[in-house]
């Protein structure tokens, strides 16, 4: 805001400022959706724990020979 006071002729247009804020908000939403899709399965802990214990009982190839 100090720049607009020093140079009245070089004020930023309101549309440009709104566009920047809008782009930032869109980027934040995209990041939220991205992390939600990545962490979505990990946040469902009961499913993963049940799956892991079932694999453990069945003798999965990740545990070595059984």
PDB file of N, CA and C in Angstrom:
ATOM      1  N   UNK A   1       0.828  -1.202   0.000  1.00  0.00           N
ATOM      2  CA  UNK A   1       0.000   0.000   0.000  1.00  0.00           C
ATOM      3  C   UNK A   1       0.867   1.258   0.000  1.00  0.00           C
ATOM      4  N   UNK A   2       2.100   1.156   0.505  1.00  0.00           N
ATOM      5  CA  UNK A   2       2.972   2.320   0.491  1.00  0.00           C
ATOM      6  C   UNK A   2       3.327   2.714  -0.936  1.00  0.00           C
ATOM      7  N   UNK A   3       3.479   1.746  -1.819  1.00  0.00           N
ATOM      8  CA  UNK A   3       3.818   2.058  -3.206  1.00  0.00           C
ATOM      9  C   UNK A   3       2.719   2.873  -3.868  1.00  0.00           C
ATOM     10  N   UNK A   4       1.458   2.558  -3.597  1.00  0.00           N
ATOM     11  CA  UNK A   4       0.373   3.303  -4.222  1.00  0.00           C
ATOM     12  C   UNK A   4       0.344   4.737  -3.700  1.00  0.00           C
ATOM     13  N   UNK A   5       0.779   4.966  -2.469  1.00  0.00           N
ATOM     14  CA  UNK A   5       0.820   6.322  -1.940  1.00  0.00           C
ATOM     15  C   UNK A   5       1.981   7.097  -2.559  1.00  0.00           C
ATOM     16  N   UNK A   6       3.123   6.443  -2.746  1.00  0.00           N
ATOM     17  CA  UNK A   6       4.273   7.141  -3.321  1.00  0.00           C
ATOM     18  C   UNK A   6       4.072   7.399  -4.803  1.00  0.00           C
ATOM     19  N   UNK A   7       3.521   6.417  -5.521  1.00  0.00           N
ATOM     20  CA  UNK A   7       3.309   6.548  -6.960  1.00  0.00           C
ATOM     21  C   UNK A   7       1.821   6.387  -7.255  1.00  0.00           C
ATOM     22  N   UNK A   8       1.065   7.489  -7.208  1.00  0.00           N
ATOM     23  CA  UNK A   8      -0.390   7.372  -7.415  1.00  0.00           C
ATOM     24  C   UNK A   8      -0.743   6.845  -8.797  1.00  0.00           C
ATOM     25  N   UNK A   9       0.111   7.061  -9.796  1.00  0.00           N
ATOM     26  CA  UNK A   9      -0.208   6.619 -11.146  1.00  0.00           C
ATOM     27  C   UNK A   9      -0.006   5.124 -11.352  1.00  0.00           C
ATOM     28  N   UNK A  10       0.724   4.471 -10.451  1.00  0.00           N
ATOM     29  CA  UNK A  10       1.047   3.050 -10.629  1.00  0.00           C
ATOM     30  C   UNK A  10       0.282   2.192  -9.627  1.00  0.00           C
ATOM     31  N   UNK A  11      -0.992   2.478  -9.455  1.00  0.00           N
ATOM     32  CA  UNK A  11      -1.787   1.673  -8.523  1.00  0.00           C
ATOM     33  C   UNK A  11      -2.173   0.359  -9.179  1.00  0.00           C
ATOM     34  N   UNK A  12      -2.203  -0.692  -8.385  1.00  0.00           N
ATOM     35  CA  UNK A  12      -2.598  -1.994  -8.917  1.00  0.00           C
ATOM     36  C   UNK A  12      -4.105  -2.009  -9.141  1.00  0.00           C
ATOM     37  N   UNK A  13      -4.581  -2.547 -10.249  1.00  0.00           N
ATOM     38  CA  UNK A  13      -6.022  -2.643 -10.466  1.00  0.00           C
ATOM     39  C   UNK A  13      -6.647  -3.641  -9.493  1.00  0.00           C
ATOM     40  N   UNK A  14      -7.893  -3.373  -9.140  1.00  0.00           N
ATOM     41  CA  UNK A  14      -8.569  -4.238  -8.172  1.00  0.00           C
ATOM     42  C   UNK A  14      -8.738  -5.645  -8.732  1.00  0.00           C
ATOM     43  N   UNK A  15      -8.933  -5.758 -10.055  1.00  0.00           N
ATOM     44  CA  UNK A  15      -9.137  -7.081 -10.642  1.00  0.00           C
ATOM     45  C   UNK A  15      -7.872  -7.919 -10.503  1.00  0.00           C
ATOM     46  N   UNK A  16      -6.699  -7.291 -10.661  1.00  0.00           N
ATOM     47  CA  UNK A  16      -5.458  -8.045 -10.532  1.00  0.00           C
ATOM     48  C   UNK A  16      -5.286  -8.598  -9.127  1.00  0.00           C
ATOM     49  N   UNK A  17      -5.591  -7.751  -8.119  1.00  0.00           N
ATOM     50  CA  UNK A  17      -5.457  -8.212  -6.741  1.00  0.00           C
ATOM     51  C   UNK A  17      -6.429  -9.347  -6.468  1.00  0.00           C
ATOM     52  N   UNK A  18      -7.673  -9.194  -6.914  1.00  0.00           N
ATOM     53  CA  UNK A  18      -8.658 -10.250  -6.687  1.00  0.00           C
ATOM     54  C   UNK A  18      -8.242 -11.531  -7.399  1.00  0.00           C
ATOM     55  N   UNK A  19      -7.675 -11.377  -8.589  1.00  0.00           N
ATOM     56  CA  UNK A  19      -7.235 -12.561  -9.321  1.00  0.00           C
ATOM     57  C   UNK A  19      -6.152 -13.311  -8.565  1.00  0.00           C
ATOM     58  N   UNK A  20      -5.226 -12.549  -7.957  1.00  0.00           N
ATOM     59  CA  UNK A  20      -4.153 -13.202  -7.203  1.00  0.00           C
ATOM     60  C   UNK A  20      -4.728 -13.958  -6.018  1.00  0.00           C
ATOM     61  N   UNK A  21      -5.646 -13.312  -5.293  1.00  0.00           N
ATOM     62  CA  UNK A  21      -6.236 -13.972  -4.129  1.00  0.00           C
ATOM     63  C   UNK A  21      -7.016 -15.203  -4.570  1.00  0.00           C
ATOM     64  N   UNK A  22      -7.751 -15.060  -5.662  1.00  0.00           N
ATOM     65  CA  UNK A  22      -8.532 -16.201  -6.143  1.00  0.00           C
ATOM     66  C   UNK A  22      -7.643 -17.363  -6.542  1.00  0.00           C
ATOM     67  N   UNK A  23      -6.515 -17.058  -7.208  1.00  0.00           N
ATOM     68  CA  UNK A  23      -5.605 -18.131  -7.607  1.00  0.00           C
ATOM     69  C   UNK A  23      -5.033 -18.818  -6.379  1.00  0.00           C
ATOM     70  N   UNK A  24      -4.691 -18.015  -5.353  1.00  0.00           N
ATOM     71  CA  UNK A  24      -4.148 -18.616  -4.139  1.00  0.00           C
ATOM     72  C   UNK A  24      -5.179 -19.530  -3.492  1.00  0.00           C
ATOM     73  N   UNK A  25      -6.435 -19.085  -3.461  1.00  0.00           N
ATOM     74  CA  UNK A  25      -7.474 -19.913  -2.857  1.00  0.00           C
ATOM     75  C   UNK A  25      -7.658 -21.202  -3.652  1.00  0.00           C
ATOM     76  N   UNK A  26      -7.621 -21.084  -4.984  1.00  0.00           N
ATOM     77  CA  UNK A  26      -7.771 -22.288  -5.808  1.00  0.00           C
ATOM     78  C   UNK A  26      -6.607 -23.231  -5.567  1.00  0.00           C
ATOM     79  N   UNK A  27      -5.399 -22.670  -5.451  1.00  0.00           N
ATOM     80  CA  UNK A  27      -4.237 -23.521  -5.182  1.00  0.00           C
ATOM     81  C   UNK A  27      -4.382 -24.207  -3.834  1.00  0.00           C
ATOM     82  N   UNK A  28      -4.843 -23.475  -2.820  1.00  0.00           N
ATOM     83  CA  UNK A  28      -5.003 -24.081  -1.500  1.00  0.00           C
ATOM     84  C   UNK A  28      -6.035 -25.201  -1.551  1.00  0.00           C
ATOM     85  N   UNK A  29      -7.134 -24.976  -2.278  1.00  0.00           N
ATOM     86  CA  UNK A  29      -8.153 -26.022  -2.383  1.00  0.00           C
ATOM     87  C   UNK A  29      -7.597 -27.243  -3.107  1.00  0.00           C
ATOM     88  N   UNK A  30      -6.827 -27.009  -4.171  1.00  0.00           N
ATOM     89  CA  UNK A  30      -6.259 -28.139  -4.903  1.00  0.00           C
ATOM     90  C   UNK A  30      -5.302 -28.920  -4.012  1.00  0.00           C
ATOM     91  N   UNK A  31      -4.506 -28.198  -3.203  1.00  0.00           N
ATOM     92  CA  UNK A  31      -3.585 -28.893  -2.302  1.00  0.00           C
ATOM     93  C   UNK A  31      -4.362 -29.692  -1.271  1.00  0.00           C
ATOM     94  N   UNK A  32      -5.446 -29.107  -0.736  1.00  0.00           N
ATOM     95  CA  UNK A  32      -6.266 -29.827   0.234  1.00  0.00           C
ATOM     96  C   UNK A  32      -6.819 -31.103  -0.381  1.00  0.00           C
ATOM     97  N   UNK A  33      -7.353 -30.991  -1.594  1.00  0.00           N
ATOM     98  CA  UNK A  33      -7.909 -32.178  -2.236  1.00  0.00           C
ATOM     99  C   UNK A  33      -6.815 -33.201  -2.488  1.00  0.00           C
ATOM    100  N   UNK A  34      -5.632 -32.725  -2.865  1.00  0.00           N
ATOM    101  CA  UNK A  34      -4.539 -33.663  -3.151  1.00  0.00           C
ATOM    102  C   UNK A  34      -4.168 -34.437  -1.892  1.00  0.00           C
ATOM    103  N   UNK A  35      -3.962 -33.698  -0.775  1.00  0.00           N
ATOM    104  CA  UNK A  35      -3.586 -34.384   0.451  1.00  0.00           C
ATOM    105  C   UNK A  35      -4.728 -35.241   0.964  1.00  0.00           C
ATOM    106  N   UNK A  36      -5.964 -34.803   0.720  1.00  0.00           N
ATOM    107  CA  UNK A  36      -7.091 -35.629   1.129  1.00  0.00           C
ATOM    108  C   UNK A  36      -7.120 -36.945   0.383  1.00  0.00           C
ATOM    109  N   UNK A  37      -6.814 -36.900  -0.919  1.00  0.00           N
ATOM    110  CA  UNK A  37      -6.826 -38.141  -1.688  1.00  0.00           C
ATOM    111  C   UNK A  37      -5.658 -39.022  -1.292  1.00  0.00           C
ATOM    112  N   UNK A  38      -4.533 -38.407  -0.916  1.00  0.00           N
ATOM    113  CA  UNK A  38      -3.366 -39.213  -0.532  1.00  0.00           C
ATOM    114  C   UNK A  38      -3.566 -39.796   0.865  1.00  0.00           C
ATOM    115  N   UNK A  39      -4.054 -38.966   1.789  1.00  0.00           N
ATOM    116  CA  UNK A  39      -4.193 -39.413   3.171  1.00  0.00           C
ATOM    117  C   UNK A  39      -5.542 -40.048   3.445  1.00  0.00           C
ATOM    118  N   UNK A  40      -6.446 -40.035   2.468  1.00  0.00           N
ATOM    119  CA  UNK A  40      -7.763 -40.619   2.696  1.00  0.00           C
ATOM    120  C   UNK A  40      -7.700 -42.066   3.151  1.00  0.00           C
ATOM    121  N   UNK A  41      -7.023 -42.953   2.413  1.00  0.00           N
ATOM    122  CA  UNK A  41      -6.931 -44.346   2.863  1.00  0.00           C
ATOM    123  C   UNK A  41      -6.216 -44.491   4.195  1.00  0.00           C
ATOM    124  N   UNK A  42      -5.205 -43.656   4.459  1.00  0.00           N
ATOM    125  CA  UNK A  42      -4.457 -43.775   5.705  1.00  0.00           C
ATOM    126  C   UNK A  42      -5.288 -43.313   6.894  1.00  0.00           C
ATOM    127  N   UNK A  43      -6.248 -42.410   6.660  1.00  0.00           N
ATOM    128  CA  UNK A  43      -7.076 -41.937   7.766  1.00  0.00           C
ATOM    129  C   UNK A  43      -8.133 -42.962   8.151  1.00  0.00           C
ATOM    130  N   UNK A  44      -8.408 -43.915   7.282  1.00  0.00           N
ATOM    131  CA  UNK A  44      -9.358 -44.967   7.640  1.00  0.00           C
ATOM    132  C   UNK A  44      -8.592 -46.081   8.340  1.00  0.00           C
ATOM    133  N   UNK A  45      -8.192 -45.829   9.566  1.00  0.00           N
ATOM    134  CA  UNK A  45      -7.328 -46.764  10.285  1.00  0.00           C
ATOM    135  C   UNK A  45      -7.977 -48.128  10.525  1.00  0.00           C
ATOM    136  N   UNK A  46      -9.238 -48.225  10.941  1.00  0.00           N
ATOM    137  CA  UNK A  46      -9.813 -49.560  11.198  1.00  0.00           C
ATOM    138  C   UNK A  46      -9.733 -50.474   9.984  1.00  0.00           C
ATOM    139  N   UNK A  47     -10.015 -49.930   8.796  1.00  0.00           N
ATOM    140  CA  UNK A  47      -9.942 -50.765   7.593  1.00  0.00           C
ATOM    141  C   UNK A  47      -8.526 -51.292   7.400  1.00  0.00           C
ATOM    142  N   UNK A  48      -7.545 -50.393   7.548  1.00  0.00           N
ATOM    143  CA  UNK A  48      -6.166 -50.819   7.322  1.00  0.00           C
ATOM    144  C   UNK A  48      -5.741 -51.829   8.378  1.00  0.00           C
ATOM    145  N   UNK A  49      -6.134 -51.592   9.631  1.00  0.00           N
ATOM    146  CA  UNK A  49      -5.733 -52.525  10.688  1.00  0.00           C
ATOM    147  C   UNK A  49      -6.369 -53.888  10.461  1.00  0.00           C
ATOM    148  N   UNK A  50      -7.650 -53.910  10.090  1.00  0.00           N
ATOM    149  CA  UNK A  50      -8.316 -55.188   9.824  1.00  0.00           C
ATOM    150  C   UNK A  50      -7.642 -55.892   8.655  1.00  0.00           C
ATOM    151  N   UNK A  51      -7.347 -55.129   7.610  1.00  0.00           N
ATOM    152  CA  UNK A  51      -6.706 -55.728   6.445  1.00  0.00           C
ATOM    153  C   UNK A  51      -5.337 -56.287   6.825  1.00  0.00           C
ATOM    154  N   UNK A  52      -4.601 -55.534   7.635  1.00  0.00           N
ATOM    155  CA  UNK A  52      -3.262 -55.965   8.008  1.00  0.00           C
ATOM    156  C   UNK A  52      -3.324 -57.244   8.850  1.00  0.00           C
ATOM    157  N   UNK A  53      -4.236 -57.290   9.826  1.00  0.00           N
ATOM    158  CA  UNK A  53      -4.318 -58.477  10.672  1.00  0.00           C
ATOM    159  C   UNK A  53      -4.784 -59.682   9.858  1.00  0.00           C
ATOM    160  N   UNK A  54      -5.690 -59.451   8.892  1.00  0.00           N
ATOM    161  CA  UNK A  54      -6.137 -60.562   8.050  1.00  0.00           C
ATOM    162  C   UNK A  54      -4.971 -61.077   7.216  1.00  0.00           C
ATOM    163  N   UNK A  55      -4.171 -60.180   6.684  1.00  0.00           N
ATOM    164  CA  UNK A  55      -3.007 -60.603   5.912  1.00  0.00           C
ATOM    165  C   UNK A  55      -2.028 -61.342   6.812  1.00  0.00           C
ATOM    166  N   UNK A  56      -1.891 -60.855   8.050  1.00  0.00           N
ATOM    167  CA  UNK A  56      -0.967 -61.495   8.994  1.00  0.00           C
ATOM    168  C   UNK A  56      -1.416 -62.926   9.275  1.00  0.00           C
ATOM    169  N   UNK A  57      -2.722 -63.126   9.477  1.00  0.00           N
ATOM    170  CA  UNK A  57      -3.232 -64.470   9.767  1.00  0.00           C
ATOM    171  C   UNK A  57      -3.129 -65.371   8.539  1.00  0.00           C
ATOM    172  N   UNK A  58      -3.307 -64.798   7.347  1.00  0.00           N
ATOM    173  CA  UNK A  58      -3.293 -65.616   6.140  1.00  0.00           C
ATOM    174  C   UNK A  58      -1.869 -65.966   5.719  1.00  0.00           C
ATOM    175  N   UNK A  59      -0.874 -65.286   6.295  1.00  0.00           N
ATOM    176  CA  UNK A  59       0.494 -65.554   5.896  1.00  0.00           C
ATOM    177  C   UNK A  59       0.838 -64.860   4.603  1.00  0.00           C
ATOM    178  N   UNK A  60       1.003 -63.551   4.667  1.00  0.00           N
ATOM    179  CA  UNK A  60       1.239 -62.786   3.443  1.00  0.00           C
ATOM    180  C   UNK A  60       2.686 -62.949   2.992  1.00  0.00           C
ATOM    181  N   UNK A  61       2.966 -62.712   1.726  1.00  0.00           N
ATOM    182  CA  UNK A  61       4.353 -62.816   1.244  1.00  0.00           C
ATOM    183  C   UNK A  61       5.261 -61.736   1.809  1.00  0.00           C
ATOM    184  N   UNK A  62       4.675 -60.678   2.455  1.00  0.00           N
ATOM    185  CA  UNK A  62       5.506 -59.615   3.002  1.00  0.00           C
ATOM    186  C   UNK A  62       6.148 -60.036   4.318  1.00  0.00           C
ATOM    187  N   UNK A  63       5.667 -61.085   4.941  1.00  0.00           N
ATOM    188  CA  UNK A  63       6.197 -61.478   6.243  1.00  0.00           C
ATOM    189  C   UNK A  63       7.304 -62.515   6.104  1.00  0.00           C
ATOM    190  N   UNK A  64       7.640 -62.913   4.899  1.00  0.00           N
ATOM    191  CA  UNK A  64       8.632 -63.957   4.741  1.00  0.00           C
ATOM    192  C   UNK A  64       7.950 -65.310   4.644  1.00  0.00           C
ATOM    193  N   UNK A  65       8.722 -66.385   4.687  1.00  0.00           N
ATOM    194  CA  UNK A  65       8.133 -67.716   4.535  1.00  0.00           C
ATOM    195  C   UNK A  65       7.423 -68.123   5.825  1.00  0.00           C
ATOM    196  N   UNK A  66       6.285 -68.812   5.672  1.00  0.00           N
ATOM    197  CA  UNK A  66       5.519 -69.229   6.849  1.00  0.00           C
ATOM    198  C   UNK A  66       4.926 -70.589   6.587  1.00  0.00           C
TER     199      UNK A  66
END
